[in-house]
N, C-alpha and C. Protein backbone atom coordinates (compact mmCIF):
# COMPACT_ATOMS: atom_id res chain seq x y z
N UNK A 1 2.47 5.89 1.22
CA UNK A 1 2.60 4.95 0.78
C UNK A 1 1.80 4.62 -0.86
N UNK A 2 1.71 6.25 -1.35
CA UNK A 2 1.11 6.31 -2.77
C UNK A 2 -0.16 5.57 -3.29
N UNK A 3 -0.95 5.27 -1.92
CA UNK A 3 -2.10 4.51 -2.32
C UNK A 3 -2.87 6.05 -1.64
N UNK A 4 -3.54 6.23 -2.65
CA UNK A 4 -4.97 7.08 -2.43
C UNK A 4 -6.30 6.74 -1.67
N UNK A 5 -6.32 5.24 -2.36
CA UNK A 5 -7.78 4.70 -1.96
C UNK A 5 -7.36 3.13 -1.91
N UNK A 6 -8.09 2.13 -1.27
CA UNK A 6 -8.25 0.99 -1.05
C UNK A 6 -9.70 0.66 -0.74
N UNK A 7 -10.03 -0.45 -2.37
CA UNK A 7 -11.36 -0.81 -2.24
C UNK A 7 -11.76 -2.14 -2.31
N UNK A 8 -12.94 -2.45 -1.77
CA UNK A 8 -12.94 -3.85 -1.51
C UNK A 8 -14.65 -3.66 -1.96
N UNK A 9 -14.61 -5.15 -2.61
CA UNK A 9 -15.76 -5.88 -3.33
C UNK A 9 -16.38 -6.78 -2.84
N UNK A 10 -15.58 -6.95 -1.80
CA UNK A 10 -15.82 -8.30 -0.91
C UNK A 10 -14.77 -9.33 -0.55
N UNK A 11 -14.48 -10.18 -1.46
CA UNK A 11 -13.55 -10.91 -1.24
C UNK A 11 -11.82 -10.22 -1.38
N UNK A 12 -12.44 -9.40 -2.81
CA UNK A 12 -11.03 -8.36 -3.28
C UNK A 12 -10.64 -7.36 -2.87
N UNK A 13 -9.55 -6.75 -2.78
CA UNK A 13 -9.23 -5.42 -2.72
C UNK A 13 -8.20 -4.69 -3.60
N UNK A 14 -8.29 -3.62 -3.86
CA UNK A 14 -7.80 -2.63 -4.73
C UNK A 14 -6.96 -1.71 -4.43
N UNK A 15 -5.79 -1.53 -4.70
CA UNK A 15 -5.05 -0.47 -4.11
C UNK A 15 -5.23 0.89 -5.40
N UNK A 16 -5.58 2.00 -4.87
CA UNK A 16 -5.81 2.89 -6.49
C UNK A 16 -4.91 4.11 -6.36
N UNK A 17 -4.60 4.43 -7.23
CA UNK A 17 -3.76 6.17 -7.07
C UNK A 17 -4.78 6.89 -8.00
N UNK A 18 -5.21 8.33 -7.69
CA UNK A 18 -5.41 9.31 -8.18
C UNK A 18 -4.87 9.89 -9.11
N UNK A 19 -4.96 10.12 -10.51
CA UNK A 19 -4.42 11.47 -10.92
C UNK A 19 -5.12 12.20 -11.55
N UNK A 20 -4.37 13.59 -12.16
CA UNK A 20 -5.71 14.16 -13.10
C UNK A 20 -4.68 14.71 -14.23
N UNK A 21 -4.73 15.06 -15.13
CA UNK A 21 -4.32 15.24 -16.81
C UNK A 21 -4.81 17.06 -16.87
N UNK A 22 -3.96 17.49 -17.39
CA UNK A 22 -4.52 18.38 -18.04
C UNK A 22 -5.01 19.00 -19.29
N UNK A 23 -4.02 18.15 -20.30
CA UNK A 23 -4.27 17.99 -21.22
C UNK A 23 -5.40 17.66 -22.14
N UNK A 24 -5.91 17.84 -23.14
CA UNK A 24 -7.38 17.30 -23.48
C UNK A 24 -6.74 16.27 -24.85
N UNK A 25 -5.97 15.74 -25.04
CA UNK A 25 -5.02 14.82 -25.77
C UNK A 25 -5.37 13.64 -25.12
N UNK A 26 -6.26 12.76 -25.27
CA UNK A 26 -6.43 11.30 -24.85
C UNK A 26 -5.14 10.46 -25.46
N UNK A 27 -4.18 11.02 -26.54
CA UNK A 27 -2.77 10.35 -26.66
C UNK A 27 -1.80 10.80 -25.80
N UNK A 28 -2.40 11.39 -25.18
CA UNK A 28 -0.78 12.06 -23.83
C UNK A 28 -0.01 10.80 -23.34
N UNK A 29 1.13 10.92 -23.03
CA UNK A 29 1.84 10.00 -22.34
C UNK A 29 1.88 10.44 -20.77
N UNK A 30 1.29 9.36 -19.70
CA UNK A 30 1.41 9.74 -18.45
C UNK A 30 2.57 9.04 -17.83
N UNK A 31 3.34 9.43 -16.65
CA UNK A 31 4.17 9.03 -16.56
C UNK A 31 3.58 8.12 -15.31
N UNK A 32 4.65 6.91 -15.19
CA UNK A 32 4.78 5.88 -13.92
C UNK A 32 5.54 6.65 -12.86
N UNK A 33 4.83 7.11 -12.06
CA UNK A 33 4.80 7.96 -10.81
C UNK A 33 4.50 7.05 -9.60
N UNK A 34 4.85 5.68 -9.65
CA UNK A 34 4.30 4.68 -8.47
C UNK A 34 5.30 3.55 -8.71
N UNK A 35 6.33 3.55 -9.53
CA UNK A 35 6.96 2.70 -9.88
C UNK A 35 7.44 1.53 -8.34
N UNK A 36 7.62 0.37 -8.54
CA UNK A 36 7.70 0.07 -7.41
C UNK A 36 7.28 0.07 -6.01
N UNK A 37 6.13 0.55 -6.09
CA UNK A 37 4.78 0.74 -5.13
C UNK A 37 3.44 -0.42 -5.46
N UNK A 38 3.01 -0.77 -4.49
CA UNK A 38 2.06 -1.90 -4.34
C UNK A 38 0.85 -1.29 -5.14
N UNK A 39 0.56 -0.67 -5.82
CA UNK A 39 -0.62 -0.09 -6.87
C UNK A 39 -1.16 -0.71 -7.96
N UNK A 40 -2.61 -1.02 -7.67
CA UNK A 40 -3.39 -2.01 -8.61
C UNK A 40 -3.89 -1.23 -9.79
N UNK A 41 -4.39 -0.05 -9.70
CA UNK A 41 -4.95 0.90 -10.66
C UNK A 41 -4.45 2.07 -10.53
N UNK A 42 -4.49 2.81 -11.44
CA UNK A 42 -4.67 4.47 -11.62
C UNK A 42 -5.88 4.91 -12.37
N UNK A 43 -6.32 5.50 -11.55
CA UNK A 43 -7.63 6.47 -12.48
C UNK A 43 -6.59 7.95 -12.67
N UNK A 44 -7.35 8.24 -13.98
CA UNK A 44 -6.79 9.64 -14.46
C UNK A 44 -8.07 10.16 -14.75
N UNK A 45 -8.34 11.59 -14.18
CA UNK A 45 -9.64 12.29 -14.45
C UNK A 45 -9.00 13.53 -15.38
N UNK A 46 -9.95 13.87 -16.33
CA UNK A 46 -9.56 15.28 -17.02
C UNK A 46 -9.69 16.22 -16.59
N UNK A 47 -9.11 17.33 -16.42
CA UNK A 47 -8.96 18.35 -15.34
C UNK A 47 -10.12 18.93 -16.18
N UNK A 48 -9.92 19.71 -17.24
CA UNK A 48 -11.12 20.36 -18.09
C UNK A 48 -12.09 19.57 -19.04
N UNK A 49 -12.39 18.28 -19.06
CA UNK A 49 -13.27 17.87 -19.27
C UNK A 49 -14.25 16.80 -18.75
N UNK A 50 -14.93 15.82 -19.07
CA UNK A 50 -15.51 15.43 -18.43
C UNK A 50 -15.50 13.44 -18.66
N UNK A 51 -14.30 13.61 -18.75
CA UNK A 51 -13.90 12.03 -19.26
C UNK A 51 -12.67 11.54 -18.29
N UNK A 52 -12.40 10.17 -18.11
CA UNK A 52 -11.35 9.68 -17.61
C UNK A 52 -10.87 8.07 -17.89
N UNK A 53 -10.11 7.84 -17.24
CA UNK A 53 -9.64 6.46 -17.52
C UNK A 53 -9.15 5.86 -16.32
N UNK A 54 -9.45 4.49 -16.72
CA UNK A 54 -9.06 3.34 -15.72
C UNK A 54 -7.71 2.40 -16.31
N UNK A 55 -6.82 2.69 -15.57
CA UNK A 55 -5.97 1.81 -16.04
C UNK A 55 -5.32 0.98 -15.08
N UNK A 56 -4.81 -0.22 -15.24
CA UNK A 56 -4.29 -1.43 -14.62
C UNK A 56 -2.64 -0.39 -14.65
N UNK A 57 -2.11 -0.80 -13.58
CA UNK A 57 -1.10 -0.30 -13.23
C UNK A 57 -0.07 -0.55 -13.98
N UNK A 58 0.95 -0.12 -14.04
CA UNK A 58 2.02 -0.29 -15.55
C UNK A 58 3.15 -0.41 -15.14
N UNK A 59 4.21 -1.42 -15.20
CA UNK A 59 5.64 -1.19 -14.96
C UNK A 59 6.48 -0.34 -16.11
N UNK A 60 6.28 -0.29 -17.13
CA UNK A 60 7.16 0.83 -17.73
C UNK A 60 6.96 2.48 -17.23
N UNK A 61 7.77 2.98 -17.83
CA UNK A 61 8.30 4.50 -17.22
C UNK A 61 7.03 5.47 -17.92
N UNK A 62 6.79 5.35 -18.90
CA UNK A 62 5.03 6.22 -19.25
C UNK A 62 4.51 5.23 -20.29
N UNK A 63 3.76 5.76 -20.37
CA UNK A 63 2.33 4.77 -21.52
C UNK A 63 1.18 6.04 -21.92
N UNK A 64 0.84 5.58 -22.97
CA UNK A 64 -0.13 6.41 -23.66
C UNK A 64 -1.32 6.19 -22.59
N UNK A 65 -1.83 7.48 -22.75
CA UNK A 65 -3.28 7.60 -21.78
C UNK A 65 -4.27 6.58 -22.37
N UNK A 66 -4.42 6.45 -23.41
CA UNK A 66 -5.71 5.88 -24.55
C UNK A 66 -4.96 4.51 -25.05
N UNK A 67 -4.12 4.05 -24.14
CA UNK A 67 -3.42 2.73 -24.40
C UNK A 67 -4.66 1.56 -24.47
N UNK A 68 -4.55 0.31 -25.07
CA UNK A 68 -6.14 -0.52 -25.26
C UNK A 68 -6.33 -1.11 -23.97
N UNK A 69 -5.26 -1.20 -23.05
CA UNK A 69 -5.13 -1.83 -22.01
C UNK A 69 -5.92 -0.81 -21.04
N UNK A 70 -6.39 0.55 -20.97
CA UNK A 70 -6.88 1.47 -20.50
C UNK A 70 -8.54 1.57 -20.44
N UNK A 71 -9.29 2.16 -19.93
CA UNK A 71 -11.07 1.86 -20.20
C UNK A 71 -10.95 3.08 -20.06
N UNK A 72 -11.64 3.88 -20.93
CA UNK A 72 -12.01 5.64 -20.81
C UNK A 72 -13.63 5.16 -20.16
N UNK A 73 -13.93 6.65 -19.47
CA UNK A 73 -15.15 6.41 -18.71
C UNK A 73 -15.54 8.10 -18.41
N UNK A 74 -16.77 8.37 -18.78
CA UNK A 74 -17.62 9.61 -18.65
C UNK A 74 -17.53 10.24 -17.23
N UNK A 75 -17.56 11.14 -16.58
CA UNK A 75 -17.14 11.49 -15.21
C UNK A 75 -18.91 11.43 -14.46
N UNK A 76 -19.21 9.97 -14.70
CA UNK A 76 -20.49 9.82 -13.98
C UNK A 76 -20.40 8.35 -13.49
N UNK A 77 -21.28 8.10 -12.34
CA UNK A 77 -21.37 7.07 -11.90
C UNK A 77 -21.27 5.97 -12.30
N UNK A 78 -22.10 5.21 -13.32
CA UNK A 78 -22.49 4.30 -13.90
C UNK A 78 -21.48 4.13 -14.82
N UNK A 79 -20.78 5.08 -15.39
CA UNK A 79 -19.96 5.10 -16.44
C UNK A 79 -18.62 4.47 -15.86
N UNK A 80 -18.35 5.08 -14.51
CA UNK A 80 -16.93 4.88 -14.04
C UNK A 80 -16.75 3.51 -14.08
N UNK A 81 -18.14 2.93 -12.91
CA UNK A 81 -17.84 1.76 -12.82
C UNK A 81 -18.13 0.89 -13.43
N UNK A 82 -18.86 0.47 -14.67
CA UNK A 82 -18.49 -0.20 -16.19
C UNK A 82 -17.24 0.10 -16.39
N UNK A 83 -16.49 1.27 -16.37
CA UNK A 83 -14.90 0.82 -16.79
C UNK A 83 -13.77 0.40 -15.89
N UNK A 84 -14.10 0.47 -14.35
CA UNK A 84 -13.56 0.07 -13.33
C UNK A 84 -13.87 -1.52 -13.38
N UNK A 85 -15.04 -2.06 -13.81
CA UNK A 85 -15.27 -3.51 -13.58
C UNK A 85 -14.49 -4.31 -14.78
N UNK A 86 -14.63 -3.57 -16.15
CA UNK A 86 -14.19 -3.70 -17.34
C UNK A 86 -12.77 -3.95 -16.78
N UNK A 87 -11.89 -3.33 -16.52
CA UNK A 87 -10.26 -4.00 -15.75
C UNK A 87 -10.22 -4.94 -14.83
N UNK A 88 -10.68 -4.72 -13.92
CA UNK A 88 -10.74 -5.68 -12.91
C UNK A 88 -10.98 -7.40 -12.70
């Protein structure tokens, strides 16, 4: 199904895909590996650092990780929740 998690905050449910990036460059391109699938958000985690991005699923083949529509977070609970709620 290409969905790693389904998250609910009560009345709304979100289909989430989790990905990681090896690049330390936040301006790197990320590929759309879920085209034509029902995904709401993709969450990217940097493998060699402590940051990530919450990204609304996009229809293009690729996009910059640090696109203005994506919200950066530090890999801790509070910062992640702030980023997720900023997108949702």
